[in-house]
């Protein structure tokens, strides 16, 4: 996700204004901080859907040739 203000990598989501914020833009944020959520690492096509959250430690390694039975 990218910051809605400057395009840098976002670290926060502002639920009140429905926008993403990077660390620098968050420092200048003057709104309701209770509406801010720190973004977690998620590597899933279901990211953000139905409350799904994951962590990098739960991620399986990508194995490109699993279906063919060849591991390279």
N, C-alpha and C. Protein backbone atom coordinates (compact mmCIF):
# COMPACT_ATOMS: atom_id res chain seq x y z
N UNK A 1 0.83 -1.17 0.00
CA UNK A 1 0.00 0.00 0.00
C UNK A 1 0.88 1.25 0.00
N UNK A 2 0.38 2.27 -0.65
CA UNK A 2 1.12 3.53 -0.72
C UNK A 2 0.37 4.63 0.03
N UNK A 3 1.13 5.56 0.56
CA UNK A 3 0.58 6.70 1.28
C UNK A 3 -0.32 7.51 0.35
N UNK A 4 -1.49 7.86 0.83
CA UNK A 4 -2.44 8.65 0.04
C UNK A 4 -1.96 10.08 -0.18
N UNK A 5 -1.03 10.55 0.65
CA UNK A 5 -0.54 11.92 0.54
C UNK A 5 0.69 12.06 -0.34
N UNK A 6 1.68 11.18 -0.13
CA UNK A 6 2.96 11.38 -0.82
C UNK A 6 3.40 10.19 -1.68
N UNK A 7 2.73 9.05 -1.58
CA UNK A 7 3.08 7.90 -2.40
C UNK A 7 4.14 6.99 -1.81
N UNK A 8 4.68 7.32 -0.64
CA UNK A 8 5.65 6.44 0.02
C UNK A 8 4.95 5.19 0.56
N UNK A 9 5.73 4.24 1.05
CA UNK A 9 5.16 3.02 1.62
C UNK A 9 4.32 3.36 2.85
N UNK A 10 3.07 2.92 2.85
CA UNK A 10 2.16 3.22 3.97
C UNK A 10 2.42 2.30 5.15
N UNK A 11 2.28 2.87 6.35
CA UNK A 11 2.42 2.11 7.59
C UNK A 11 1.15 2.15 8.41
N UNK A 12 0.22 3.04 8.05
CA UNK A 12 -1.00 3.25 8.83
C UNK A 12 -2.21 3.41 7.90
N UNK A 13 -3.39 3.10 8.44
CA UNK A 13 -4.63 3.34 7.72
C UNK A 13 -5.53 4.21 8.59
N UNK A 14 -6.04 5.30 8.01
CA UNK A 14 -6.93 6.22 8.69
C UNK A 14 -8.37 5.85 8.31
N UNK A 15 -9.08 5.21 9.25
CA UNK A 15 -10.45 4.77 8.98
C UNK A 15 -11.41 5.94 8.82
N UNK A 16 -11.15 7.04 9.50
CA UNK A 16 -12.03 8.21 9.43
C UNK A 16 -12.03 8.82 8.02
N UNK A 17 -10.85 8.99 7.44
CA UNK A 17 -10.71 9.61 6.12
C UNK A 17 -10.52 8.60 5.00
N UNK A 18 -10.47 7.31 5.35
CA UNK A 18 -10.29 6.22 4.39
C UNK A 18 -9.06 6.44 3.51
N UNK A 19 -7.91 6.64 4.18
CA UNK A 19 -6.67 6.84 3.44
C UNK A 19 -5.50 6.19 4.17
N UNK A 20 -4.46 5.88 3.42
CA UNK A 20 -3.24 5.29 3.96
C UNK A 20 -2.24 6.39 4.26
N UNK A 21 -1.40 6.19 5.29
CA UNK A 21 -0.40 7.17 5.68
C UNK A 21 0.95 6.49 5.89
N UNK A 22 2.02 7.16 5.45
CA UNK A 22 3.38 6.69 5.72
C UNK A 22 3.79 7.20 7.10
N UNK A 23 4.99 6.82 7.55
CA UNK A 23 5.47 7.26 8.86
C UNK A 23 5.57 8.79 8.95
N UNK A 24 6.11 9.43 7.90
CA UNK A 24 6.29 10.88 7.92
C UNK A 24 4.95 11.62 7.94
N UNK A 25 4.01 11.20 7.12
CA UNK A 25 2.70 11.86 7.08
C UNK A 25 1.92 11.60 8.36
N UNK A 26 2.14 10.44 8.99
CA UNK A 26 1.47 10.16 10.25
C UNK A 26 1.95 11.11 11.35
N UNK A 27 3.24 11.47 11.31
CA UNK A 27 3.78 12.41 12.31
C UNK A 27 3.07 13.76 12.24
N UNK A 28 2.62 14.16 11.04
CA UNK A 28 1.93 15.43 10.85
C UNK A 28 0.42 15.31 10.99
N UNK A 29 -0.07 14.12 11.28
CA UNK A 29 -1.51 13.86 11.35
C UNK A 29 -2.14 14.62 12.52
N UNK A 30 -3.25 15.29 12.27
CA UNK A 30 -3.90 16.09 13.32
C UNK A 30 -5.30 15.58 13.66
N UNK A 31 -5.73 14.48 13.04
CA UNK A 31 -7.07 13.96 13.28
C UNK A 31 -7.15 13.08 14.53
N UNK A 32 -8.22 12.32 14.62
CA UNK A 32 -8.50 11.43 15.75
C UNK A 32 -7.60 10.19 15.65
N UNK A 33 -6.60 10.09 16.52
CA UNK A 33 -5.64 8.98 16.45
C UNK A 33 -6.27 7.64 16.81
N UNK A 34 -7.45 7.65 17.41
CA UNK A 34 -8.15 6.39 17.69
C UNK A 34 -8.68 5.75 16.41
N UNK A 35 -8.72 6.52 15.33
CA UNK A 35 -9.20 6.02 14.05
C UNK A 35 -8.06 5.49 13.18
N UNK A 36 -6.84 5.50 13.72
CA UNK A 36 -5.66 5.05 12.98
C UNK A 36 -5.34 3.60 13.35
N UNK A 37 -5.06 2.80 12.33
CA UNK A 37 -4.66 1.40 12.54
C UNK A 37 -3.29 1.21 11.91
N UNK A 38 -2.37 0.63 12.68
CA UNK A 38 -1.05 0.31 12.12
C UNK A 38 -1.20 -0.92 11.24
N UNK A 39 -0.61 -0.85 10.05
CA UNK A 39 -0.74 -1.95 9.10
C UNK A 39 0.19 -3.10 9.48
N UNK A 40 -0.33 -4.31 9.37
CA UNK A 40 0.44 -5.52 9.62
C UNK A 40 0.90 -6.10 8.29
N UNK A 41 1.93 -6.92 8.34
CA UNK A 41 2.38 -7.63 7.15
C UNK A 41 1.33 -8.68 6.80
N UNK A 42 0.89 -8.66 5.55
CA UNK A 42 -0.08 -9.64 5.09
C UNK A 42 0.32 -10.04 3.68
N UNK A 43 0.41 -11.33 3.43
CA UNK A 43 0.75 -11.83 2.10
C UNK A 43 -0.33 -12.82 1.69
N UNK A 44 -1.47 -12.27 1.30
CA UNK A 44 -2.59 -13.12 0.94
C UNK A 44 -3.52 -12.37 0.00
N UNK A 45 -4.11 -13.08 -0.96
CA UNK A 45 -5.12 -12.42 -1.79
C UNK A 45 -6.37 -12.07 -1.00
N UNK A 46 -6.51 -12.64 0.20
CA UNK A 46 -7.66 -12.33 1.06
C UNK A 46 -7.38 -11.17 2.00
N UNK A 47 -6.27 -10.49 1.82
CA UNK A 47 -5.88 -9.40 2.73
C UNK A 47 -7.00 -8.39 2.88
N UNK A 48 -7.39 -8.14 4.12
CA UNK A 48 -8.41 -7.16 4.41
C UNK A 48 -9.83 -7.64 4.22
N UNK A 49 -10.02 -8.87 3.78
CA UNK A 49 -11.36 -9.41 3.53
C UNK A 49 -11.80 -10.24 4.74
N UNK A 50 -12.95 -9.97 5.26
CA UNK A 50 -13.53 -10.74 6.37
C UNK A 50 -12.62 -10.78 7.60
N UNK A 51 -11.85 -9.74 7.81
CA UNK A 51 -11.00 -9.68 9.00
C UNK A 51 -9.80 -10.61 8.94
N UNK A 52 -9.45 -11.13 7.75
CA UNK A 52 -8.31 -12.03 7.63
C UNK A 52 -7.02 -11.27 7.89
N UNK A 53 -6.17 -11.81 8.73
CA UNK A 53 -4.84 -11.25 8.99
C UNK A 53 -3.85 -12.41 9.05
N UNK A 54 -2.64 -12.15 8.64
CA UNK A 54 -1.60 -13.17 8.71
C UNK A 54 -0.30 -12.54 9.15
N UNK A 55 0.72 -13.36 9.28
CA UNK A 55 2.03 -12.83 9.65
C UNK A 55 3.09 -13.48 8.77
N UNK A 56 4.23 -12.84 8.66
CA UNK A 56 5.30 -13.35 7.82
C UNK A 56 5.75 -14.73 8.30
N UNK A 57 5.69 -14.99 9.59
CA UNK A 57 6.10 -16.28 10.14
C UNK A 57 5.15 -17.41 9.69
N UNK A 58 3.90 -17.08 9.39
CA UNK A 58 2.93 -18.09 8.95
C UNK A 58 3.02 -18.39 7.46
N UNK A 59 3.79 -17.60 6.73
CA UNK A 59 3.86 -17.71 5.28
C UNK A 59 4.62 -18.98 4.86
N UNK A 60 4.07 -19.73 3.92
CA UNK A 60 4.75 -20.89 3.36
C UNK A 60 5.69 -20.42 2.26
N UNK A 61 6.81 -21.11 2.13
CA UNK A 61 7.74 -20.79 1.06
C UNK A 61 7.10 -21.14 -0.28
N UNK A 62 7.34 -20.32 -1.30
CA UNK A 62 6.82 -20.55 -2.63
C UNK A 62 7.60 -21.67 -3.30
N UNK A 63 6.90 -22.70 -3.73
CA UNK A 63 7.51 -23.82 -4.42
C UNK A 63 6.93 -23.87 -5.83
N UNK A 64 7.64 -23.34 -6.83
CA UNK A 64 7.08 -23.17 -8.17
C UNK A 64 6.72 -24.46 -8.90
N UNK A 65 7.35 -25.58 -8.61
CA UNK A 65 7.10 -26.80 -9.37
C UNK A 65 6.43 -27.90 -8.55
N UNK A 66 5.66 -27.55 -7.54
CA UNK A 66 5.02 -28.54 -6.71
C UNK A 66 4.04 -29.39 -7.50
N UNK A 67 3.25 -28.79 -8.38
CA UNK A 67 2.24 -29.54 -9.15
C UNK A 67 2.88 -30.57 -10.07
N UNK A 68 4.03 -30.25 -10.64
CA UNK A 68 4.68 -31.17 -11.55
C UNK A 68 5.47 -32.26 -10.82
N UNK A 69 5.65 -32.10 -9.53
CA UNK A 69 6.41 -33.08 -8.76
C UNK A 69 7.91 -32.80 -8.79
N UNK A 70 8.33 -31.78 -9.54
CA UNK A 70 9.74 -31.42 -9.61
C UNK A 70 10.00 -30.25 -8.69
N UNK A 71 11.01 -30.39 -7.88
CA UNK A 71 11.43 -29.27 -7.05
C UNK A 71 12.78 -28.81 -7.51
N UNK A 72 12.83 -27.56 -7.96
CA UNK A 72 14.11 -27.04 -8.45
C UNK A 72 14.50 -25.80 -7.71
